[in-house]
Amino acid sequence: MVYFVGAGPGDVDLITVRGRKLLEKADVVIYTGSLVSREHLKFCKKKAVLIDSSGLTLEEILEVIKTYEGENKIIVRLHTGDPTIYGAIAEQMEGLQKMGIDYEVVPGVSSFTAAGAVLKKEFTVPGLSQTVILTRLAGKTPVPEREDLAQLSKIGASMAIFLSVKNIEDVVKKLRTGYREDTPVAVVYKATWEDQKIVLGTLKNICDRVREEGFESTAIILVGEFLTGTGKSRLYSKDFSHAFREAKN
């Protein structure tokens, strides 16, 4: 059996309980060595086969899985963050389906929610934004024209931008199509890792601040009024009724 497991954003304690248990009993662990903390591997069995996939092609990964699955081994494919968000698992799952190999996907804590947590912010602040956009700048992987940052910025929602900090100037240029230049921005480098760094600013000055820090990868860009604005949900208001509580006068 093959399990795609989200390792979480960095801190090894942010993997799910299910993910940790699967690591502990896995016979084979194929991990994304360029992104996943090696601290996770300390929870593996001493006899577990540990394979760094950072230098492997898709075909080589699938061949490894095919070999060990044929021996009835428990295989964990360990990805960073949540494997369903920019996890490059679609092509792996397609390959397994063609080979008739069963698999499951175990979710993980995404870097965007981890970044919100370390900043102590809520993406969906009542009165400011009830929508969160997860996106990226076009690079080696293209982005559909309808999803261009300039188009998405016109919505004015809370936004988390992955895999784009190296081109922060292009990001800001596109964002200013829809957002005001004083819109708050936070760039979180390696959220929850020991060397985590946070840069705060606005669309007017964030480029200079990011360049001063030298971020070129492993950072997420958060944009929106939720970073500085306040709002109040009515959920806990005494004059608000719901299925579990009557309003109190």
Protein backbone atom coordinates (compact mmCIF):
# COMPACT_ATOMS: atom_id res chain seq x y z
CA MET A 1 0.00 0.00 0.00
CA VAL A 2 1.20 3.51 -0.82
CA TYR A 3 0.45 6.56 1.33
CA PHE A 4 1.02 10.12 0.17
CA VAL A 5 1.62 11.92 3.46
CA GLY A 6 1.79 15.65 4.10
CA ALA A 7 4.74 16.33 6.41
CA GLY A 8 3.51 19.81 7.28
CA PRO A 9 5.32 23.13 6.80
CA GLY A 10 8.54 22.48 8.73
CA ASP A 11 8.20 21.85 12.45
CA VAL A 12 8.14 18.05 12.79
CA ASP A 13 5.38 18.24 15.40
CA LEU A 14 3.00 19.71 12.82
CA ILE A 15 2.60 16.45 10.94
CA THR A 16 -0.78 14.81 11.63
CA VAL A 17 -1.07 11.96 14.12
CA ARG A 18 -2.02 9.66 11.23
CA GLY A 19 0.98 10.81 9.23
CA ARG A 20 3.37 10.15 12.12
CA LYS A 21 1.91 6.68 12.74
CA LEU A 22 2.36 5.79 9.08
CA LEU A 23 5.99 6.94 9.19
CA GLU A 24 6.58 4.78 12.24
CA LYS A 25 5.35 1.60 10.55
CA ALA A 26 6.54 2.28 6.99
CA ASP A 27 8.93 -0.17 5.35
CA VAL A 28 9.91 2.35 2.70
CA VAL A 29 9.87 6.16 2.89
CA ILE A 30 10.36 8.20 -0.26
CA TYR A 31 10.78 11.76 0.96
CA THR A 32 11.24 15.12 -0.73
CA GLY A 33 14.71 15.80 0.62
CA SER A 34 14.97 19.32 -0.75
CA LEU A 35 11.99 20.48 1.34
CA VAL A 36 11.07 18.00 4.06
CA SER A 37 12.89 18.18 7.40
CA ARG A 38 15.06 15.11 7.93
CA GLU A 39 13.92 15.18 11.57
CA HIS A 40 10.85 13.27 10.40
CA LEU A 41 13.05 10.31 9.50
CA LYS A 42 14.01 9.81 13.14
CA PHE A 43 10.54 8.33 13.67
CA CYS A 44 11.06 5.63 11.05
CA LYS A 45 11.97 2.04 11.82
CA LYS A 46 15.70 1.32 11.89
CA LYS A 47 15.28 -1.14 9.03
CA ALA A 48 13.15 1.21 6.93
CA VAL A 49 14.48 2.02 3.47
CA LEU A 50 14.84 5.81 3.16
CA ILE A 51 14.98 7.29 -0.34
CA ASP A 52 15.51 10.97 -1.17
CA SER A 53 13.43 11.79 -4.23
CA SER A 54 14.95 15.21 -4.92
CA GLY A 55 17.23 13.81 -7.61
CA LEU A 56 14.78 11.32 -9.09
CA THR A 57 12.50 11.56 -12.12
CA LEU A 58 8.82 10.63 -12.05
CA GLU A 59 9.57 7.36 -13.83
CA GLU A 60 12.27 6.47 -11.29
CA ILE A 61 9.98 7.20 -8.36
CA LEU A 62 7.24 5.04 -9.82
CA GLU A 63 9.70 2.23 -10.48
CA VAL A 64 10.85 2.31 -6.85
CA ILE A 65 7.24 2.18 -5.67
CA LYS A 66 6.44 -0.66 -8.08
CA THR A 67 9.39 -2.71 -6.83
CA TYR A 68 8.63 -2.42 -3.13
CA GLU A 69 4.85 -2.60 -3.49
CA GLY A 70 5.36 -5.90 -5.25
CA GLU A 71 7.00 -7.10 -2.03
CA ASN A 72 3.90 -6.06 -0.02
CA LYS A 73 5.79 -3.26 1.71
CA ILE A 74 4.15 -0.26 3.37
CA ILE A 75 5.35 2.74 1.37
CA VAL A 76 5.12 6.37 2.50
CA ARG A 77 5.62 9.09 -0.08
CA LEU A 78 6.45 12.03 2.20
CA HIS A 79 5.71 15.47 0.77
CA THR A 80 6.11 18.91 2.29
CA GLY A 81 3.09 20.86 3.57
CA ASP A 82 -0.17 19.44 2.27
CA PRO A 83 0.41 17.16 -0.74
CA THR A 84 -2.75 18.37 -2.48
CA ILE A 85 -1.42 21.95 -2.82
CA TYR A 86 1.44 22.29 -5.33
CA GLY A 87 2.48 18.79 -4.31
CA ALA A 88 3.07 17.38 -7.81
CA ILE A 89 1.21 14.23 -6.79
CA ALA A 90 -1.31 14.15 -9.63
CA GLU A 91 1.12 12.57 -12.07
CA GLN A 92 2.31 10.09 -9.43
CA MET A 93 -1.24 9.01 -8.65
CA GLU A 94 -1.99 8.66 -12.35
CA GLY A 95 1.05 6.43 -12.72
CA LEU A 96 -0.02 4.26 -9.79
CA GLN A 97 -3.52 3.93 -11.21
CA LYS A 98 -2.12 2.69 -14.51
CA MET A 99 -0.09 0.08 -12.63
CA GLY A 100 -3.09 -0.95 -10.55
CA ILE A 101 -1.45 0.06 -7.27
CA ASP A 102 -3.69 1.25 -4.45
CA TYR A 103 -2.86 4.46 -2.61
CA GLU A 104 -4.25 6.93 -0.09
CA VAL A 105 -3.60 10.63 0.49
CA VAL A 106 -3.09 11.87 4.04
CA PRO A 107 -3.50 15.66 4.35
CA GLY A 108 -1.00 17.90 6.08
CA VAL A 109 -0.69 21.44 7.42
CA SER A 110 -0.05 23.77 4.50
CA SER A 111 2.62 26.48 4.62
CA PHE A 112 -0.06 29.10 4.00
CA THR A 113 -2.01 28.17 7.13
CA ALA A 114 1.25 27.86 9.06
CA ALA A 115 2.21 31.36 7.92
CA GLY A 116 -1.14 32.72 9.06
CA ALA A 117 -0.64 31.01 12.41
CA VAL A 118 2.85 32.41 13.07
CA LEU A 119 1.55 35.85 12.16
CA LYS A 120 -1.45 35.29 14.49
CA LYS A 121 -3.86 36.32 11.75
CA GLU A 122 -7.17 35.02 10.40
CA PHE A 123 -7.53 34.98 6.62
CA THR A 124 -11.32 35.27 6.75
CA VAL A 125 -12.01 38.38 8.81
CA PRO A 126 -15.70 39.39 8.80
CA GLY A 127 -16.22 42.65 6.98
CA LEU A 128 -12.85 42.45 5.24
CA SER A 129 -12.61 39.17 3.37
CA GLN A 130 -14.42 35.86 3.29
CA THR A 131 -12.36 34.45 0.44
CA VAL A 132 -8.81 33.12 0.33
CA ILE A 133 -6.99 32.75 -2.99
CA LEU A 134 -4.08 30.30 -3.26
CA THR A 135 -2.04 30.96 -6.35
CA ARG A 136 1.42 31.45 -7.84
CA LEU A 137 3.26 33.45 -10.44
CA ALA A 138 3.78 31.74 -13.78
CA GLY A 139 7.22 30.18 -14.09
CA LYS A 140 8.38 26.86 -15.52
CA THR A 141 4.83 25.80 -14.72
CA PRO A 142 2.45 28.06 -16.66
CA VAL A 143 -0.64 29.68 -15.13
CA PRO A 144 -3.92 29.93 -17.09
CA GLU A 145 -4.48 33.47 -18.36
CA ARG A 146 -7.73 33.76 -16.39
CA GLU A 147 -5.72 33.08 -13.20
CA ASP A 148 -3.05 35.70 -13.80
CA LEU A 149 -2.22 37.63 -10.62
CA ALA A 150 -3.35 40.88 -12.22
CA GLN A 151 -6.79 39.37 -12.78
CA LEU A 152 -7.04 37.80 -9.34
CA SER A 153 -5.97 41.02 -7.62
CA LYS A 154 -9.18 42.70 -8.79
CA ILE A 155 -11.18 40.47 -6.44
CA GLY A 156 -9.55 42.08 -3.42
CA ALA A 157 -9.61 38.87 -1.38
CA SER A 158 -7.03 37.55 1.06
CA MET A 159 -4.27 35.94 -0.97
CA ALA A 160 -1.45 33.45 -0.41
CA ILE A 161 1.13 33.33 -3.19
CA PHE A 162 3.38 30.28 -3.42
CA LEU A 163 6.64 29.68 -5.31
CA SER A 164 7.03 33.30 -6.40
CA VAL A 165 9.21 35.24 -3.96
CA LYS A 166 12.21 35.10 -6.30
CA ASN A 167 10.23 37.35 -8.65
CA ILE A 168 8.74 39.62 -6.01
CA GLU A 169 8.91 42.67 -8.30
CA ASP A 170 6.74 40.96 -10.92
CA VAL A 171 4.34 39.82 -8.20
CA VAL A 172 3.92 43.35 -6.85
CA LYS A 173 3.51 44.86 -10.30
CA LYS A 174 0.62 42.52 -11.05
CA LEU A 175 -0.98 42.89 -7.62
CA ARG A 176 -1.10 46.67 -7.93
CA THR A 177 -3.56 46.21 -10.78
CA GLY A 178 -6.27 45.57 -8.19
CA TYR A 179 -4.90 46.29 -4.71
CA ARG A 180 -3.97 49.74 -3.40
CA GLU A 181 -0.26 50.38 -2.91
CA ASP A 182 -0.79 50.61 0.86
CA THR A 183 -2.25 47.09 0.98
CA PRO A 184 -0.41 45.13 3.70
CA VAL A 185 1.91 42.30 2.70
CA ALA A 186 3.72 39.68 4.77
CA VAL A 187 6.45 37.40 3.47
CA VAL A 188 7.14 34.40 5.66
CA TYR A 189 10.34 32.50 5.00
CA LYS A 190 10.38 28.84 6.10
CA ALA A 191 7.30 29.09 8.31
CA THR A 192 7.71 27.10 11.57
CA TRP A 193 11.33 26.12 10.83
CA GLU A 194 14.03 27.14 13.31
CA ASP A 195 15.37 29.73 10.87
CA GLN A 196 11.95 31.20 10.12
CA LYS A 197 11.91 34.89 9.17
CA ILE A 198 9.05 37.33 8.70
CA VAL A 199 9.07 40.51 6.62
CA LEU A 200 6.16 42.94 6.86
CA GLY A 201 5.33 45.85 4.61
CA THR A 202 2.98 47.08 1.92
CA LEU A 203 2.90 46.76 -1.84
CA LYS A 204 4.81 50.03 -1.89
CA ASN A 205 7.88 48.84 0.02
CA ILE A 206 7.83 45.05 0.29
CA CYS A 207 10.19 44.49 -2.66
CA ASP A 208 13.06 46.38 -1.02
CA ARG A 209 12.52 44.63 2.29
CA VAL A 210 12.48 41.16 0.71
CA ARG A 211 15.62 41.91 -1.28
CA GLU A 212 17.37 43.10 1.87
CA GLU A 213 16.71 39.69 3.41
CA GLY A 214 17.76 37.86 0.26
CA PHE A 215 14.72 35.55 0.05
CA GLU A 216 14.68 33.63 -3.23
CA SER A 217 12.78 30.47 -2.30
CA THR A 218 10.92 28.66 0.48
CA ALA A 219 8.85 31.72 1.32
CA ILE A 220 5.15 32.47 0.98
CA ILE A 221 3.65 35.88 0.21
CA LEU A 222 0.46 36.87 2.01
CA VAL A 223 -1.55 39.84 0.80
CA GLY A 224 -4.69 41.53 2.06
CA GLU A 225 -6.40 43.74 4.61
CA PHE A 226 -6.69 40.76 6.97
CA LEU A 227 -3.06 41.36 7.94
CA THR A 228 -3.84 44.64 9.69
CA GLY A 229 -7.63 45.01 9.75
CA THR A 230 -10.07 43.89 12.41
CA GLY A 231 -13.56 42.50 12.32
CA LYS A 232 -15.97 40.61 14.51
CA SER A 233 -17.95 37.48 13.82
CA ARG A 234 -21.49 37.39 15.20
CA LEU A 235 -21.10 33.70 16.06
CA TYR A 236 -20.44 34.36 19.74
CA SER A 237 -22.52 37.50 20.10
CA LYS A 238 -25.15 37.21 22.82
CA ASP A 239 -27.86 38.49 20.49
CA PHE A 240 -27.13 35.82 17.85
CA SER A 241 -29.07 32.55 17.78
CA HIS A 242 -27.92 29.33 16.15
CA ALA A 243 -28.64 25.61 16.34
CA PHE A 244 -26.87 25.21 19.68
CA ARG A 245 -27.73 28.42 21.48
CA GLU A 246 -30.59 30.88 21.76
CA ALA A 247 -29.91 34.61 21.70
CA LYS A 248 -29.72 36.29 25.09
CA ASN A 249 -31.32 39.66 25.64
